[in-house]
Amino acid sequence: MEVLPSHIQLNVNQRIFLKNPESSDLGKKIISGSIDMIDEMGFESFTFRKLGQHIQSTEASIYRYFENKHRLLLYLINWYWNWIDFRLIYLIANIEDPTEKLRRAITLLTQSNEVDNNFQHVNEIKLHRIVIAESSKTYLTKEVEEENKEGLFKSFKQLVERVSGFISDVNPEFKYPHMLVSTVIEGAHHQRFFAAHLPMLTDQLHGEDSINNFYQDLVFKALKSKDDE
């Protein structure tokens, strides 16, 4: 993993929480404990009562930070996308070539993650597994349009917009940059899940990151102009 500047502060939309969990030790325990538990048992089985027992606090204390577990999941997913976007900005700093920017972005969006020691209360490996398995539950809901108006998906949309800009820089005539980026992200998540649980649905080649290589190939073939054919 790239070495990031120390003392990074990632800002999550304040409408998601009642009290910022980054503001106290208890709040950070809520984040750390929820990541451990959702990764272990899944979002459906996760409850604030179980979380309170896990972190040796009360269910009521958790409700002072989050209205419900859906908002807590939204917080975790938003934090993750803010973290990825920050890493992307750092990765492309001083890079002028749009093709290289896009290659780096695809690698970041499709690779497995490592622990980032800048955030002691967040296990990014576990959080990545949660994003893969649970993130769709934040928007496949009846409330998605209302929550979108609140800006609760801004972090994800901001990342997609940034990478879409790289695509347009590589090929300004390509008509579907946002569709391509969101397809890469969601598709890579599915392939990581398949690799871990349903390996017959994907291809794992020895000695390479097959998922990253597949999406690099997919994107740049899609962007190939007619003049290059």
C-alpha atoms as a PDB file:
ATOM      1  CA  MET A   1       0.000   0.000   0.000  1.00  0.00           C
ATOM      2  CA  GLU A   2       1.112   3.544  -0.688  1.00  0.00           C
ATOM      3  CA  VAL A   3       2.487   5.516   2.299  1.00  0.00           C
ATOM      4  CA  LEU A   4      -0.061   8.193   3.138  1.00  0.00           C
ATOM      5  CA  PRO A   5       0.476  11.354   5.189  1.00  0.00           C
ATOM      6  CA  SER A   6      -0.083  10.821   8.902  1.00  0.00           C
ATOM      7  CA  HIS A   7      -2.970  12.291  10.921  1.00  0.00           C
ATOM      8  CA  ILE A   8      -5.516  12.056   8.105  1.00  0.00           C
ATOM      9  CA  GLN A   9      -9.054  13.156   8.945  1.00  0.00           C
ATOM     10  CA  LEU A  10     -11.821  11.756   6.755  1.00  0.00           C
ATOM     11  CA  ASN A  11     -15.068  13.717   6.888  1.00  0.00           C
ATOM     12  CA  VAL A  12     -18.308  11.748   6.615  1.00  0.00           C
ATOM     13  CA  ASN A  13     -21.619  13.499   5.901  1.00  0.00           C
ATOM     14  CA  GLN A  14     -22.892  14.778   9.257  1.00  0.00           C
ATOM     15  CA  ARG A  15     -26.474  13.869   8.380  1.00  0.00           C
ATOM     16  CA  ILE A  16     -25.616  10.198   8.706  1.00  0.00           C
ATOM     17  CA  PHE A  17     -24.874  10.279  12.445  1.00  0.00           C
ATOM     18  CA  LEU A  18     -26.332  11.894  15.542  1.00  0.00           C
ATOM     19  CA  LYS A  19     -22.921  12.309  17.168  1.00  0.00           C
ATOM     20  CA  ASN A  20     -19.619  12.028  15.326  1.00  0.00           C
ATOM     21  CA  PRO A  21     -18.073   8.685  16.347  1.00  0.00           C
ATOM     22  CA  GLU A  22     -14.611  10.115  15.668  1.00  0.00           C
ATOM     23  CA  SER A  23     -15.157  12.556  18.545  1.00  0.00           C
ATOM     24  CA  SER A  24     -14.784  10.045  21.398  1.00  0.00           C
ATOM     25  CA  ASP A  25     -13.178   6.768  22.419  1.00  0.00           C
ATOM     26  CA  LEU A  26     -16.620   5.183  22.691  1.00  0.00           C
ATOM     27  CA  GLY A  27     -17.496   6.300  19.178  1.00  0.00           C
ATOM     28  CA  LYS A  28     -14.327   4.735  17.813  1.00  0.00           C
ATOM     29  CA  LYS A  29     -15.130   1.518  19.706  1.00  0.00           C
ATOM     30  CA  ILE A  30     -18.546   1.525  18.044  1.00  0.00           C
ATOM     31  CA  ILE A  31     -16.912   1.772  14.621  1.00  0.00           C
ATOM     32  CA  SER A  32     -14.249  -0.826  15.355  1.00  0.00           C
ATOM     33  CA  GLY A  33     -16.680  -3.231  17.002  1.00  0.00           C
ATOM     34  CA  SER A  34     -19.310  -2.901  14.290  1.00  0.00           C
ATOM     35  CA  ILE A  35     -16.721  -3.676  11.596  1.00  0.00           C
ATOM     36  CA  ASP A  36     -15.632  -6.802  13.487  1.00  0.00           C
ATOM     37  CA  MET A  37     -19.181  -7.996  14.041  1.00  0.00           C
ATOM     38  CA  ILE A  38     -20.704  -7.239  10.621  1.00  0.00           C
ATOM     39  CA  ASP A  39     -17.735  -8.917   8.958  1.00  0.00           C
ATOM     40  CA  GLU A  40     -18.156 -11.963  11.203  1.00  0.00           C
ATOM     41  CA  MET A  41     -21.944 -12.414  11.338  1.00  0.00           C
ATOM     42  CA  GLY A  42     -23.369 -10.351   8.465  1.00  0.00           C
ATOM     43  CA  PHE A  43     -25.541  -7.253   8.564  1.00  0.00           C
ATOM     44  CA  GLU A  44     -28.850  -9.072   9.050  1.00  0.00           C
ATOM     45  CA  SER A  45     -27.727 -10.745  12.285  1.00  0.00           C
ATOM     46  CA  PHE A  46     -25.986  -7.618  13.602  1.00  0.00           C
ATOM     47  CA  THR A  47     -27.823  -5.598  16.268  1.00  0.00           C
ATOM     48  CA  PHE A  48     -26.984  -2.696  18.558  1.00  0.00           C
ATOM     49  CA  ARG A  49     -27.692  -4.932  21.538  1.00  0.00           C
ATOM     50  CA  LYS A  50     -25.036  -7.405  20.395  1.00  0.00           C
ATOM     51  CA  LEU A  51     -22.655  -4.552  19.605  1.00  0.00           C
ATOM     52  CA  GLY A  52     -23.134  -3.084  23.086  1.00  0.00           C
ATOM     53  CA  GLN A  53     -22.221  -6.418  24.639  1.00  0.00           C
ATOM     54  CA  HIS A  54     -19.218  -6.754  22.344  1.00  0.00           C
ATOM     55  CA  ILE A  55     -17.740  -3.360  23.246  1.00  0.00           C
ATOM     56  CA  GLN A  56     -18.875  -3.589  26.912  1.00  0.00           C
ATOM     57  CA  SER A  57     -21.224  -0.646  26.652  1.00  0.00           C
ATOM     58  CA  THR A  58     -24.995  -0.203  26.448  1.00  0.00           C
ATOM     59  CA  GLU A  59     -27.391  -0.338  23.538  1.00  0.00           C
ATOM     60  CA  ALA A  60     -28.644   3.110  24.528  1.00  0.00           C
ATOM     61  CA  SER A  61     -25.144   4.584  24.266  1.00  0.00           C
ATOM     62  CA  ILE A  62     -24.890   3.429  20.634  1.00  0.00           C
ATOM     63  CA  TYR A  63     -28.225   5.062  19.789  1.00  0.00           C
ATOM     64  CA  ARG A  64     -26.710   8.382  20.860  1.00  0.00           C
ATOM     65  CA  TYR A  65     -24.400   8.099  17.846  1.00  0.00           C
ATOM     66  CA  PHE A  66     -26.621   6.431  15.229  1.00  0.00           C
ATOM     67  CA  GLU A  67     -30.373   6.418  14.717  1.00  0.00           C
ATOM     68  CA  ASN A  68     -30.327   2.783  13.564  1.00  0.00           C
ATOM     69  CA  LYS A  69     -28.033   0.126  12.130  1.00  0.00           C
ATOM     70  CA  HIS A  70     -28.792   1.212   8.550  1.00  0.00           C
ATOM     71  CA  ARG A  71     -27.274   4.629   9.329  1.00  0.00           C
ATOM     72  CA  LEU A  72     -24.267   2.927  10.905  1.00  0.00           C
ATOM     73  CA  LEU A  73     -23.747   0.863   7.744  1.00  0.00           C
ATOM     74  CA  LEU A  74     -24.074   4.045   5.680  1.00  0.00           C
ATOM     75  CA  TYR A  75     -21.370   5.595   7.845  1.00  0.00           C
ATOM     76  CA  LEU A  76     -18.992   2.661   7.304  1.00  0.00           C
ATOM     77  CA  ILE A  77     -19.546   2.627   3.540  1.00  0.00           C
ATOM     78  CA  ASN A  78     -19.156   6.411   3.263  1.00  0.00           C
ATOM     79  CA  TRP A  79     -15.969   6.279   5.327  1.00  0.00           C
ATOM     80  CA  TYR A  80     -14.606   3.611   3.001  1.00  0.00           C
ATOM     81  CA  TRP A  81     -15.288   5.596  -0.166  1.00  0.00           C
ATOM     82  CA  ASN A  82     -13.771   8.741   1.367  1.00  0.00           C
ATOM     83  CA  TRP A  83     -10.684   6.691   2.206  1.00  0.00           C
ATOM     84  CA  ILE A  84     -10.445   5.287  -1.344  1.00  0.00           C
ATOM     85  CA  ASP A  85     -10.925   8.756  -2.853  1.00  0.00           C
ATOM     86  CA  PHE A  86      -8.195  10.203  -0.632  1.00  0.00           C
ATOM     87  CA  ARG A  87      -5.836   7.402  -1.650  1.00  0.00           C
ATOM     88  CA  LEU A  88      -6.651   7.991  -5.312  1.00  0.00           C
ATOM     89  CA  ILE A  89      -5.861  11.698  -5.083  1.00  0.00           C
ATOM     90  CA  TYR A  90      -2.549  10.813  -3.448  1.00  0.00           C
ATOM     91  CA  LEU A  91      -1.776   8.143  -6.076  1.00  0.00           C
ATOM     92  CA  ILE A  92      -2.240  10.479  -9.023  1.00  0.00           C
ATOM     93  CA  ALA A  93      -0.479  13.491  -7.528  1.00  0.00           C
ATOM     94  CA  ASN A  94       2.025  14.889 -10.053  1.00  0.00           C
ATOM     95  CA  ILE A  95       0.861  12.428 -12.729  1.00  0.00           C
ATOM     96  CA  GLU A  96       0.061  14.218 -15.977  1.00  0.00           C
ATOM     97  CA  ASP A  97      -0.642  11.295 -18.307  1.00  0.00           C
ATOM     98  CA  PRO A  98      -4.410  10.572 -18.247  1.00  0.00           C
ATOM     99  CA  THR A  99      -3.836   6.929 -19.236  1.00  0.00           C
ATOM    100  CA  GLU A 100      -1.562   6.386 -16.259  1.00  0.00           C
ATOM    101  CA  LYS A 101      -4.072   8.100 -13.964  1.00  0.00           C
ATOM    102  CA  LEU A 102      -6.768   5.751 -15.186  1.00  0.00           C
ATOM    103  CA  ARG A 103      -4.573   2.679 -14.813  1.00  0.00           C
ATOM    104  CA  ARG A 104      -3.793   3.612 -11.219  1.00  0.00           C
ATOM    105  CA  ALA A 105      -7.451   4.267 -10.500  1.00  0.00           C
ATOM    106  CA  ILE A 106      -8.540   0.894 -11.872  1.00  0.00           C
ATOM    107  CA  THR A 107      -5.892  -0.865  -9.806  1.00  0.00           C
ATOM    108  CA  LEU A 108      -7.052   0.902  -6.649  1.00  0.00           C
ATOM    109  CA  LEU A 109     -10.717   0.136  -7.328  1.00  0.00           C
ATOM    110  CA  THR A 110     -10.204  -3.556  -8.087  1.00  0.00           C
ATOM    111  CA  GLN A 111      -7.394  -4.693  -5.803  1.00  0.00           C
ATOM    112  CA  SER A 112      -7.609  -6.286  -2.367  1.00  0.00           C
ATOM    113  CA  ASN A 113      -6.886  -3.881   0.474  1.00  0.00           C
ATOM    114  CA  GLU A 114      -4.344  -3.849   3.279  1.00  0.00           C
ATOM    115  CA  VAL A 115      -4.563  -2.340   6.746  1.00  0.00           C
ATOM    116  CA  ASP A 116      -3.849   1.402   6.816  1.00  0.00           C
ATOM    117  CA  ASN A 117      -2.075   2.174  10.090  1.00  0.00           C
ATOM    118  CA  ASN A 118      -3.265   5.779   9.994  1.00  0.00           C
ATOM    119  CA  PHE A 119      -6.617   4.596  11.394  1.00  0.00           C
ATOM    120  CA  GLN A 120      -6.111   2.355  14.413  1.00  0.00           C
ATOM    121  CA  HIS A 121      -9.859   1.878  14.996  1.00  0.00           C
ATOM    122  CA  VAL A 122     -10.609   0.751  11.418  1.00  0.00           C
ATOM    123  CA  ASN A 123      -9.586  -2.610   9.998  1.00  0.00           C
ATOM    124  CA  GLU A 124      -9.636  -1.829   6.293  1.00  0.00           C
ATOM    125  CA  ILE A 125      -9.400  -5.490   5.247  1.00  0.00           C
ATOM    126  CA  LYS A 126     -12.580  -6.337   7.146  1.00  0.00           C
ATOM    127  CA  LEU A 127     -14.238  -3.126   6.000  1.00  0.00           C
ATOM    128  CA  HIS A 128     -13.461  -3.989   2.379  1.00  0.00           C
ATOM    129  CA  ARG A 129     -15.194  -7.346   2.860  1.00  0.00           C
ATOM    130  CA  ILE A 130     -18.202  -5.502   4.287  1.00  0.00           C
ATOM    131  CA  VAL A 131     -18.283  -3.153   1.305  1.00  0.00           C
ATOM    132  CA  ILE A 132     -18.213  -6.157  -1.034  1.00  0.00           C
ATOM    133  CA  ALA A 133     -20.923  -8.094   0.792  1.00  0.00           C
ATOM    134  CA  GLU A 134     -23.157  -5.385   2.257  1.00  0.00           C
ATOM    135  CA  SER A 135     -22.804  -2.038   0.471  1.00  0.00           C
ATOM    136  CA  SER A 136     -25.721  -2.613  -1.901  1.00  0.00           C
ATOM    137  CA  LYS A 137     -27.987  -2.757   1.151  1.00  0.00           C
ATOM    138  CA  THR A 138     -27.403   0.949   1.674  1.00  0.00           C
ATOM    139  CA  TYR A 139     -29.082   1.912  -1.607  1.00  0.00           C
ATOM    140  CA  LEU A 140     -31.345  -1.009  -2.586  1.00  0.00           C
ATOM    141  CA  THR A 141     -34.036   0.394  -0.315  1.00  0.00           C
ATOM    142  CA  LYS A 142     -37.340   2.240  -0.606  1.00  0.00           C
ATOM    143  CA  GLU A 143     -35.686   5.310   0.948  1.00  0.00           C
ATOM    144  CA  VAL A 144     -32.846   5.596  -1.568  1.00  0.00           C
ATOM    145  CA  GLU A 145     -34.148   8.716  -3.352  1.00  0.00           C
ATOM    146  CA  GLU A 146     -34.800  10.571  -0.105  1.00  0.00           C
ATOM    147  CA  GLU A 147     -31.376   9.615   1.251  1.00  0.00           C
ATOM    148  CA  ASN A 148     -29.792  10.647  -2.027  1.00  0.00           C
ATOM    149  CA  LYS A 149     -31.348  14.098  -1.627  1.00  0.00           C
ATOM    150  CA  GLU A 150     -29.684  14.267   1.798  1.00  0.00           C
ATOM    151  CA  GLY A 151     -26.334  13.655   0.111  1.00  0.00           C
ATOM    152  CA  LEU A 152     -25.789  10.301   1.790  1.00  0.00           C
ATOM    153  CA  PHE A 153     -24.222   8.779  -1.335  1.00  0.00           C
ATOM    154  CA  LYS A 154     -22.038  11.764  -2.169  1.00  0.00           C
ATOM    155  CA  SER A 155     -18.761   9.997  -1.320  1.00  0.00           C
ATOM    156  CA  PHE A 156     -19.377   7.193  -3.784  1.00  0.00           C
ATOM    157  CA  LYS A 157     -20.689   9.523  -6.488  1.00  0.00           C
ATOM    158  CA  GLN A 158     -17.691  11.838  -6.025  1.00  0.00           C
ATOM    159  CA  LEU A 159     -15.279   8.948  -6.571  1.00  0.00           C
ATOM    160  CA  VAL A 160     -17.148   7.763  -9.675  1.00  0.00           C
ATOM    161  CA  GLU A 161     -17.165  11.327 -11.016  1.00  0.00           C
ATOM    162  CA  ARG A 162     -13.418  11.659 -10.508  1.00  0.00           C
ATOM    163  CA  VAL A 163     -12.563   8.447 -12.349  1.00  0.00           C
ATOM    164  CA  SER A 164     -15.114   9.246 -15.069  1.00  0.00           C
ATOM    165  CA  GLY A 165     -13.103  12.401 -15.694  1.00  0.00           C
ATOM    166  CA  PHE A 166      -9.992  10.299 -16.300  1.00  0.00           C
ATOM    167  CA  ILE A 167     -11.944   8.231 -18.827  1.00  0.00           C
ATOM    168  CA  SER A 168     -13.099  11.364 -20.652  1.00  0.00           C
ATOM    169  CA  ASP A 169      -9.514  12.634 -20.718  1.00  0.00           C
ATOM    170  CA  VAL A 170      -8.368   9.378 -22.345  1.00  0.00           C
ATOM    171  CA  ASN A 171     -11.218   9.290 -24.853  1.00  0.00           C
ATOM    172  CA  PRO A 172     -13.483  12.363 -24.938  1.00  0.00           C
ATOM    173  CA  GLU A 173     -15.799  10.625 -27.420  1.00  0.00           C
ATOM    174  CA  PHE A 174     -16.666   7.753 -25.075  1.00  0.00           C
ATOM    175  CA  LYS A 175     -20.334   8.192 -24.153  1.00  0.00           C
ATOM    176  CA  TYR A 176     -20.642   6.097 -20.995  1.00  0.00           C
ATOM    177  CA  PRO A 177     -17.887   7.030 -18.503  1.00  0.00           C
ATOM    178  CA  HIS A 178     -20.012   6.882 -15.343  1.00  0.00           C
ATOM    179  CA  MET A 179     -21.579   3.597 -16.389  1.00  0.00           C
ATOM    180  CA  LEU A 180     -18.155   2.119 -17.051  1.00  0.00           C
ATOM    181  CA  VAL A 181     -16.712   3.215 -13.699  1.00  0.00           C
ATOM    182  CA  SER A 182     -19.632   1.972 -11.627  1.00  0.00           C
ATOM    183  CA  THR A 183     -19.558  -1.310 -13.585  1.00  0.00           C
ATOM    184  CA  VAL A 184     -15.870  -1.744 -12.787  1.00  0.00           C
ATOM    185  CA  ILE A 185     -16.416  -1.087  -9.079  1.00  0.00           C
ATOM    186  CA  GLU A 186     -19.461  -3.306  -8.619  1.00  0.00           C
ATOM    187  CA  GLY A 187     -18.114  -5.974 -10.965  1.00  0.00           C
ATOM    188  CA  ALA A 188     -14.793  -6.156  -9.147  1.00  0.00           C
ATOM    189  CA  HIS A 189     -16.680  -6.544  -5.872  1.00  0.00           C
ATOM    190  CA  HIS A 190     -18.625  -9.473  -7.291  1.00  0.00           C
ATOM    191  CA  GLN A 191     -15.462 -11.098  -8.614  1.00  0.00           C
ATOM    192  CA  ARG A 192     -13.713 -10.742  -5.241  1.00  0.00           C
ATOM    193  CA  PHE A 193     -16.747 -12.355  -3.596  1.00  0.00           C
ATOM    194  CA  PHE A 194     -16.813 -15.153  -6.168  1.00  0.00           C
ATOM    195  CA  ALA A 195     -13.081 -15.765  -5.728  1.00  0.00           C
ATOM    196  CA  ALA A 196     -13.571 -16.190  -1.978  1.00  0.00           C
ATOM    197  CA  HIS A 197     -16.826 -18.150  -1.995  1.00  0.00           C
ATOM    198  CA  LEU A 198     -17.865 -19.304  -5.500  1.00  0.00           C
ATOM    199  CA  PRO A 199     -14.584 -19.766  -7.379  1.00  0.00           C
ATOM    200  CA  MET A 200     -16.185 -21.545 -10.354  1.00  0.00           C
ATOM    201  CA  LEU A 201     -17.787 -18.200 -11.279  1.00  0.00           C
ATOM    202  CA  THR A 202     -14.484 -16.404 -11.808  1.00  0.00           C
ATOM    203  CA  ASP A 203     -10.947 -17.029 -13.070  1.00  0.00           C
ATOM    204  CA  GLN A 204      -7.971 -17.083 -10.746  1.00  0.00           C
ATOM    205  CA  LEU A 205      -4.681 -17.387 -12.595  1.00  0.00           C
ATOM    206  CA  HIS A 206      -1.548 -18.240 -10.670  1.00  0.00           C
ATOM    207  CA  GLY A 207       0.955 -15.415 -10.303  1.00  0.00           C
ATOM    208  CA  GLU A 208      -1.332 -12.533 -11.275  1.00  0.00           C
ATOM    209  CA  ASP A 209      -4.172 -10.406  -9.977  1.00  0.00           C
ATOM    210  CA  SER A 210      -6.703 -11.705 -12.488  1.00  0.00           C
ATOM    211  CA  ILE A 211      -9.435  -9.312 -11.404  1.00  0.00           C
ATOM    212  CA  ASN A 212      -7.327  -6.190 -11.832  1.00  0.00           C
ATOM    213  CA  ASN A 213      -5.929  -7.433 -15.150  1.00  0.00           C
ATOM    214  CA  PHE A 214      -9.406  -8.269 -16.443  1.00  0.00           C
ATOM    215  CA  TYR A 215     -10.781  -4.793 -15.700  1.00  0.00           C
ATOM    216  CA  GLN A 216      -7.695  -3.026 -17.057  1.00  0.00           C
ATOM    217  CA  ASP A 217      -8.212  -4.951 -20.282  1.00  0.00           C
ATOM    218  CA  LEU A 218     -11.970  -4.333 -20.300  1.00  0.00           C
ATOM    219  CA  VAL A 219     -11.729  -0.579 -19.747  1.00  0.00           C
ATOM    220  CA  PHE A 220      -8.991   0.175 -22.245  1.00  0.00           C
ATOM    221  CA  LYS A 221     -10.567  -1.980 -24.928  1.00  0.00           C
ATOM    222  CA  ALA A 222     -13.852  -0.142 -24.370  1.00  0.00           C
ATOM    223  CA  LEU A 223     -12.038   3.188 -24.732  1.00  0.00           C
ATOM    224  CA  LYS A 224     -10.182   2.246 -27.870  1.00  0.00           C
ATOM    225  CA  SER A 225     -11.139   4.721 -30.568  1.00  0.00           C
ATOM    226  CA  LYS A 226     -12.144   3.676 -34.054  1.00  0.00           C
ATOM    227  CA  ASP A 227      -8.960   5.292 -35.386  1.00  0.00           C
ATOM    228  CA  ASP A 228      -6.918   2.859 -33.275  1.00  0.00           C
ATOM    229  CA  GLU A 229      -8.694  -0.218 -34.615  1.00  0.00           C
END
